PDB file of all heavy atoms in Angstrom:
ATOM      1  N   GLN A   1      -8.019  -6.360   1.544  1.00  0.00           N
ATOM      2  CA  GLN A   1      -8.911  -7.076   0.749  1.00  0.00           C
ATOM      3  C   GLN A   1     -10.316  -7.052   1.218  1.00  0.00           C
ATOM      4  O   GLN A   1     -10.544  -7.497   2.322  1.00  0.00           O
ATOM      5  CB  GLN A   1      -8.432  -8.498   0.543  1.00  0.00           C
ATOM      6  CG  GLN A   1      -9.113  -9.307  -0.467  1.00  0.00           C
ATOM      7  CD  GLN A   1      -8.558 -10.634  -0.820  1.00  0.00           C
ATOM      8  OE1 GLN A   1      -7.678 -11.142  -0.073  1.00  0.00           O
ATOM      9  NE2 GLN A   1      -8.805 -11.105  -2.082  1.00  0.00           N
ATOM     10  N   ALA A   2     -11.210  -6.408   0.464  1.00  0.00           N
ATOM     11  CA  ALA A   2     -12.564  -6.358   0.818  1.00  0.00           C
ATOM     12  C   ALA A   2     -13.270  -7.614   0.222  1.00  0.00           C
ATOM     13  O   ALA A   2     -12.873  -8.207  -0.645  1.00  0.00           O
ATOM     14  CB  ALA A   2     -13.280  -5.073   0.273  1.00  0.00           C
ATOM     15  N   PRO A   3     -14.454  -7.944   0.817  1.00  0.00           N
ATOM     16  CA  PRO A   3     -15.208  -9.072   0.353  1.00  0.00           C
ATOM     17  C   PRO A   3     -15.509  -8.965  -1.133  1.00  0.00           C
ATOM     18  O   PRO A   3     -16.034  -7.933  -1.600  1.00  0.00           O
ATOM     19  CB  PRO A   3     -16.511  -9.037   1.153  1.00  0.00           C
ATOM     20  CG  PRO A   3     -16.112  -8.366   2.432  1.00  0.00           C
ATOM     21  CD  PRO A   3     -15.128  -7.314   2.039  1.00  0.00           C
ATOM     22  N   GLY A   4     -15.242 -10.025  -1.880  1.00  0.00           N
ATOM     23  CA  GLY A   4     -15.548 -10.067  -3.334  1.00  0.00           C
ATOM     24  C   GLY A   4     -14.530  -9.288  -4.252  1.00  0.00           C
ATOM     25  O   GLY A   4     -14.794  -9.211  -5.446  1.00  0.00           O
ATOM     26  N   LYS A   5     -13.474  -8.709  -3.616  1.00  0.00           N
ATOM     27  CA  LYS A   5     -12.504  -7.864  -4.405  1.00  0.00           C
ATOM     28  C   LYS A   5     -11.113  -8.493  -4.264  1.00  0.00           C
ATOM     29  O   LYS A   5     -10.940  -9.309  -3.365  1.00  0.00           O
ATOM     30  CB  LYS A   5     -12.533  -6.422  -3.879  1.00  0.00           C
ATOM     31  CG  LYS A   5     -13.829  -5.715  -4.133  1.00  0.00           C
ATOM     32  CD  LYS A   5     -13.793  -4.244  -3.774  1.00  0.00           C
ATOM     33  CE  LYS A   5     -15.065  -3.445  -4.106  1.00  0.00           C
ATOM     34  NZ  LYS A   5     -14.925  -2.012  -3.717  1.00  0.00           N
ATOM     35  N   GLU A   6     -10.250  -8.047  -5.111  1.00  0.00           N
ATOM     36  CA  GLU A   6      -8.846  -8.474  -5.148  1.00  0.00           C
ATOM     37  C   GLU A   6      -8.100  -7.705  -4.089  1.00  0.00           C
ATOM     38  O   GLU A   6      -8.432  -6.589  -3.688  1.00  0.00           O
ATOM     39  CB  GLU A   6      -8.284  -8.255  -6.440  1.00  0.00           C
ATOM     40  CG  GLU A   6      -8.812  -9.109  -7.593  1.00  0.00           C
ATOM     41  CD  GLU A   6      -8.193  -8.982  -8.962  1.00  0.00           C
ATOM     42  OE1 GLU A   6      -7.251  -8.036  -9.013  1.00  0.00           O
ATOM     43  OE2 GLU A   6      -8.420  -9.733  -9.837  1.00  0.00           O
ATOM     44  N   ARG A   7      -7.012  -8.285  -3.601  1.00  0.00           N
ATOM     45  CA  ARG A   7      -6.112  -7.662  -2.655  1.00  0.00           C
ATOM     46  C   ARG A   7      -5.541  -6.391  -3.321  1.00  0.00           C
ATOM     47  O   ARG A   7      -5.036  -6.458  -4.464  1.00  0.00           O
ATOM     48  CB  ARG A   7      -5.046  -8.597  -2.210  1.00  0.00           C
ATOM     49  CG  ARG A   7      -4.277  -8.143  -1.114  1.00  0.00           C
ATOM     50  CD  ARG A   7      -3.419  -9.214  -0.409  1.00  0.00           C
ATOM     51  NE  ARG A   7      -4.262 -10.313   0.096  1.00  0.00           N
ATOM     52  CZ  ARG A   7      -3.812 -11.345   0.743  1.00  0.00           C
ATOM     53  NH1 ARG A   7      -2.547 -11.474   0.971  1.00  0.00           N
ATOM     54  NH2 ARG A   7      -4.656 -12.318   1.155  1.00  0.00           N
ATOM     55  N   GLU A   8      -5.515  -5.329  -2.519  1.00  0.00           N
ATOM     56  CA  GLU A   8      -5.000  -4.033  -3.114  1.00  0.00           C
ATOM     57  C   GLU A   8      -3.986  -3.455  -2.198  1.00  0.00           C
ATOM     58  O   GLU A   8      -4.028  -3.562  -0.980  1.00  0.00           O
ATOM     59  CB  GLU A   8      -6.056  -3.043  -3.403  1.00  0.00           C
ATOM     60  CG  GLU A   8      -6.738  -2.557  -2.134  1.00  0.00           C
ATOM     61  CD  GLU A   8      -7.794  -1.414  -2.467  1.00  0.00           C
ATOM     62  OE1 GLU A   8      -7.905  -1.013  -3.675  1.00  0.00           O
ATOM     63  OE2 GLU A   8      -8.463  -0.945  -1.523  1.00  0.00           O
ATOM     64  N   PHE A   9      -2.998  -2.751  -2.756  1.00  0.00           N
ATOM     65  CA  PHE A   9      -1.923  -2.019  -2.073  1.00  0.00           C
ATOM     66  C   PHE A   9      -2.526  -0.829  -1.288  1.00  0.00           C
ATOM     67  O   PHE A   9      -3.404  -0.141  -1.799  1.00  0.00           O
ATOM     68  CB  PHE A   9      -0.879  -1.621  -3.060  1.00  0.00           C
ATOM     69  CG  PHE A   9       0.138  -0.617  -2.463  1.00  0.00           C
ATOM     70  CD1 PHE A   9       1.115  -1.025  -1.570  1.00  0.00           C
ATOM     71  CD2 PHE A   9       0.099   0.761  -2.801  1.00  0.00           C
ATOM     72  CE1 PHE A   9       2.011  -0.183  -1.109  1.00  0.00           C
ATOM     73  CE2 PHE A   9       1.014   1.640  -2.234  1.00  0.00           C
ATOM     74  CZ  PHE A   9       1.972   1.124  -1.358  1.00  0.00           C
ATOM     75  N   VAL A  10      -1.987  -0.575  -0.116  1.00  0.00           N
ATOM     76  CA  VAL A  10      -2.354   0.565   0.740  1.00  0.00           C
ATOM     77  C   VAL A  10      -1.225   1.502   1.010  1.00  0.00           C
ATOM     78  O   VAL A  10      -1.341   2.700   0.629  1.00  0.00           O
ATOM     79  CB  VAL A  10      -3.005   0.106   2.030  1.00  0.00           C
ATOM     80  CG1 VAL A  10      -3.371   1.341   2.890  1.00  0.00           C
ATOM     81  CG2 VAL A  10      -4.208  -0.775   1.770  1.00  0.00           C
ATOM     82  N   ALA A  11      -0.143   1.013   1.549  1.00  0.00           N
ATOM     83  CA  ALA A  11       0.962   1.830   1.929  1.00  0.00           C
ATOM     84  C   ALA A  11       2.239   1.043   2.045  1.00  0.00           C
ATOM     85  O   ALA A  11       2.146  -0.205   2.346  1.00  0.00           O
ATOM     86  CB  ALA A  11       0.650   2.637   3.205  1.00  0.00           C
ATOM     87  N   ALA A  12       3.352   1.675   1.912  1.00  0.00           N
ATOM     88  CA  ALA A  12       4.671   0.941   2.022  1.00  0.00           C
ATOM     89  C   ALA A  12       5.750   1.868   2.563  1.00  0.00           C
ATOM     90  O   ALA A  12       5.634   3.056   2.369  1.00  0.00           O
ATOM     91  CB  ALA A  12       5.127   0.298   0.780  1.00  0.00           C
ATOM     92  N   ILE A  13       6.721   1.269   3.243  1.00  0.00           N
ATOM     93  CA  ILE A  13       7.938   2.014   3.568  1.00  0.00           C
ATOM     94  C   ILE A  13       9.029   1.233   3.125  1.00  0.00           C
ATOM     95  O   ILE A  13       9.238   0.016   3.491  1.00  0.00           O
ATOM     96  CB  ILE A  13       8.013   2.272   5.140  1.00  0.00           C
ATOM     97  CG1 ILE A  13       9.191   3.097   5.515  1.00  0.00           C
ATOM     98  CG2 ILE A  13       7.835   0.997   5.902  1.00  0.00           C
ATOM     99  CD1 ILE A  13       9.163   3.722   6.828  1.00  0.00           C
ATOM    100  N   ARG A  14       9.914   1.761   2.185  1.00  0.00           N
ATOM    101  CA  ARG A  14      10.948   0.979   1.591  1.00  0.00           C
ATOM    102  C   ARG A  14      12.143   0.706   2.400  1.00  0.00           C
ATOM    103  O   ARG A  14      12.409   1.500   3.402  1.00  0.00           O
ATOM    104  CB  ARG A  14      11.380   1.684   0.282  1.00  0.00           C
ATOM    105  CG  ARG A  14      10.293   1.629  -0.759  1.00  0.00           C
ATOM    106  CD  ARG A  14      10.836   2.087  -2.146  1.00  0.00           C
ATOM    107  NE  ARG A  14       9.824   1.783  -3.171  1.00  0.00           N
ATOM    108  CZ  ARG A  14      10.045   2.081  -4.414  1.00  0.00           C
ATOM    109  NH1 ARG A  14      11.186   2.729  -4.862  1.00  0.00           N
ATOM    110  NH2 ARG A  14       9.138   1.740  -5.322  1.00  0.00           N
ATOM    111  N   ARG A  15      12.869  -0.348   2.160  1.00  0.00           N
ATOM    112  CA  ARG A  15      14.099  -0.740   2.898  1.00  0.00           C
ATOM    113  C   ARG A  15      15.177   0.303   2.710  1.00  0.00           C
ATOM    114  O   ARG A  15      15.211   0.891   1.627  1.00  0.00           O
ATOM    115  CB  ARG A  15      14.554  -2.103   2.589  1.00  0.00           C
ATOM    116  CG  ARG A  15      15.015  -2.256   1.132  1.00  0.00           C
ATOM    117  CD  ARG A  15      15.141  -3.726   0.726  1.00  0.00           C
ATOM    118  NE  ARG A  15      15.672  -3.917  -0.555  1.00  0.00           N
ATOM    119  CZ  ARG A  15      16.937  -4.188  -0.911  1.00  0.00           C
ATOM    120  NH1 ARG A  15      17.752  -4.529   0.101  1.00  0.00           N
ATOM    121  NH2 ARG A  15      17.280  -4.412  -2.168  1.00  0.00           N
ATOM    122  N   ILE A  16      16.057   0.532   3.624  1.00  0.00           N
ATOM    123  CA  ILE A  16      17.233   1.316   3.609  1.00  0.00           C
ATOM    124  C   ILE A  16      16.933   2.840   3.557  1.00  0.00           C
ATOM    125  O   ILE A  16      17.238   3.652   4.365  1.00  0.00           O
ATOM    126  CB  ILE A  16      18.173   0.890   2.419  1.00  0.00           C
ATOM    127  CG1 ILE A  16      18.492  -0.522   2.417  1.00  0.00           C
ATOM    128  CG2 ILE A  16      19.436   1.746   2.510  1.00  0.00           C
ATOM    129  CD1 ILE A  16      19.008  -1.078   3.700  1.00  0.00           C
ATOM    130  N   SER A  17      16.218   3.222   2.456  1.00  0.00           N
ATOM    131  CA  SER A  17      15.862   4.647   2.266  1.00  0.00           C
ATOM    132  C   SER A  17      14.705   5.156   3.128  1.00  0.00           C
ATOM    133  O   SER A  17      14.562   6.397   3.445  1.00  0.00           O
ATOM    134  CB  SER A  17      15.503   4.945   0.771  1.00  0.00           C
ATOM    135  OG  SER A  17      14.198   4.434   0.508  1.00  0.00           O
ATOM    136  N   ASN A  18      13.821   4.250   3.549  1.00  0.00           N
ATOM    137  CA  ASN A  18      12.608   4.544   4.320  1.00  0.00           C
ATOM    138  C   ASN A  18      11.680   5.496   3.572  1.00  0.00           C
ATOM    139  O   ASN A  18      10.871   6.098   4.243  1.00  0.00           O
ATOM    140  CB  ASN A  18      12.998   5.143   5.655  1.00  0.00           C
ATOM    141  CG  ASN A  18      13.750   4.217   6.632  1.00  0.00           C
ATOM    142  OD1 ASN A  18      13.303   3.005   6.728  1.00  0.00           O
ATOM    143  ND2 ASN A  18      14.734   4.658   7.269  1.00  0.00           N
ATOM    144  N   GLU A  19      11.773   5.501   2.298  1.00  0.00           N
ATOM    145  CA  GLU A  19      10.798   6.190   1.459  1.00  0.00           C
ATOM    146  C   GLU A  19       9.451   5.627   1.629  1.00  0.00           C
ATOM    147  O   GLU A  19       9.227   4.386   1.658  1.00  0.00           O
ATOM    148  CB  GLU A  19      11.267   6.091  -0.023  1.00  0.00           C
ATOM    149  CG  GLU A  19      10.405   6.988  -0.902  1.00  0.00           C
ATOM    150  CD  GLU A  19      10.701   8.427  -0.919  1.00  0.00           C
ATOM    151  OE1 GLU A  19      11.787   8.724  -0.431  1.00  0.00           O
ATOM    152  OE2 GLU A  19       9.868   9.241  -1.324  1.00  0.00           O
ATOM    153  N   VAL A  20       8.394   6.483   1.778  1.00  0.00           N
ATOM    154  CA  VAL A  20       7.023   5.984   1.937  1.00  0.00           C
ATOM    155  C   VAL A  20       6.257   6.146   0.663  1.00  0.00           C
ATOM    156  O   VAL A  20       6.518   7.105  -0.181  1.00  0.00           O
ATOM    157  CB  VAL A  20       6.338   6.717   3.099  1.00  0.00           C
ATOM    158  CG1 VAL A  20       6.976   6.458   4.468  1.00  0.00           C
ATOM    159  CG2 VAL A  20       6.259   8.176   2.879  1.00  0.00           C
ATOM    160  N   VAL A  21       5.341   5.174   0.437  1.00  0.00           N
ATOM    161  CA  VAL A  21       4.507   5.196  -0.759  1.00  0.00           C
ATOM    162  C   VAL A  21       3.076   4.903  -0.367  1.00  0.00           C
ATOM    163  O   VAL A  21       2.907   3.998   0.364  1.00  0.00           O
ATOM    164  CB  VAL A  21       4.994   4.134  -1.827  1.00  0.00           C
ATOM    165  CG1 VAL A  21       4.187   4.240  -3.082  1.00  0.00           C
ATOM    166  CG2 VAL A  21       6.458   4.330  -2.161  1.00  0.00           C
ATOM    167  N   TYR A  22       2.140   5.649  -0.940  1.00  0.00           N
ATOM    168  CA  TYR A  22       0.724   5.442  -0.568  1.00  0.00           C
ATOM    169  C   TYR A  22      -0.063   5.332  -1.862  1.00  0.00           C
ATOM    170  O   TYR A  22       0.101   5.901  -2.827  1.00  0.00           O
ATOM    171  CB  TYR A  22       0.204   6.701   0.204  1.00  0.00           C
ATOM    172  CG  TYR A  22       0.856   6.855   1.540  1.00  0.00           C
ATOM    173  CD1 TYR A  22       1.815   7.802   1.743  1.00  0.00           C
ATOM    174  CD2 TYR A  22       0.421   6.073   2.629  1.00  0.00           C
ATOM    175  CE1 TYR A  22       2.379   8.023   2.997  1.00  0.00           C
ATOM    176  CE2 TYR A  22       0.984   6.321   3.946  1.00  0.00           C
ATOM    177  CZ  TYR A  22       2.046   7.266   4.126  1.00  0.00           C
ATOM    178  OH  TYR A  22       2.565   7.437   5.359  1.00  0.00           O
ATOM    179  N   ALA A  23      -1.114   4.460  -1.672  1.00  0.00           N
ATOM    180  CA  ALA A  23      -2.125   4.407  -2.716  1.00  0.00           C
ATOM    181  C   ALA A  23      -2.981   5.694  -2.599  1.00  0.00           C
ATOM    182  O   ALA A  23      -3.008   6.345  -1.565  1.00  0.00           O
ATOM    183  CB  ALA A  23      -3.001   3.124  -2.499  1.00  0.00           C
ATOM    184  N   ASN A  24      -3.665   6.027  -3.692  1.00  0.00           N
ATOM    185  CA  ASN A  24      -4.433   7.200  -3.720  1.00  0.00           C
ATOM    186  C   ASN A  24      -5.567   7.192  -2.631  1.00  0.00           C
ATOM    187  O   ASN A  24      -5.920   8.191  -2.000  1.00  0.00           O
ATOM    188  CB  ASN A  24      -5.125   7.455  -5.054  1.00  0.00           C
ATOM    189  CG  ASN A  24      -4.137   7.892  -6.125  1.00  0.00           C
ATOM    190  OD1 ASN A  24      -3.107   8.527  -5.798  1.00  0.00           O
ATOM    191  ND2 ASN A  24      -4.462   7.594  -7.370  1.00  0.00           N
ATOM    192  N   SER A  25      -6.137   6.009  -2.371  1.00  0.00           N
ATOM    193  CA  SER A  25      -7.169   5.836  -1.334  1.00  0.00           C
ATOM    194  C   SER A  25      -6.584   6.140   0.065  1.00  0.00           C
ATOM    195  O   SER A  25      -7.379   6.446   0.966  1.00  0.00           O
ATOM    196  CB  SER A  25      -7.724   4.437  -1.416  1.00  0.00           C
ATOM    197  OG  SER A  25      -6.719   3.481  -1.207  1.00  0.00           O
ATOM    198  N   ALA A  26      -5.273   6.025   0.286  1.00  0.00           N
ATOM    199  CA  ALA A  26      -4.676   6.273   1.567  1.00  0.00           C
ATOM    200  C   ALA A  26      -4.057   7.521   1.804  1.00  0.00           C
ATOM    201  O   ALA A  26      -3.865   7.989   2.928  1.00  0.00           O
ATOM    202  CB  ALA A  26      -3.662   5.126   1.871  1.00  0.00           C
TER     203      ALA A  26
END
């Protein structure tokens, strides 16, 4: 979350499968 902006997704690693997901910015 940057100043004055909404919280945004960056990256995740899912449970069990360990699949990774990234935002375009990351």
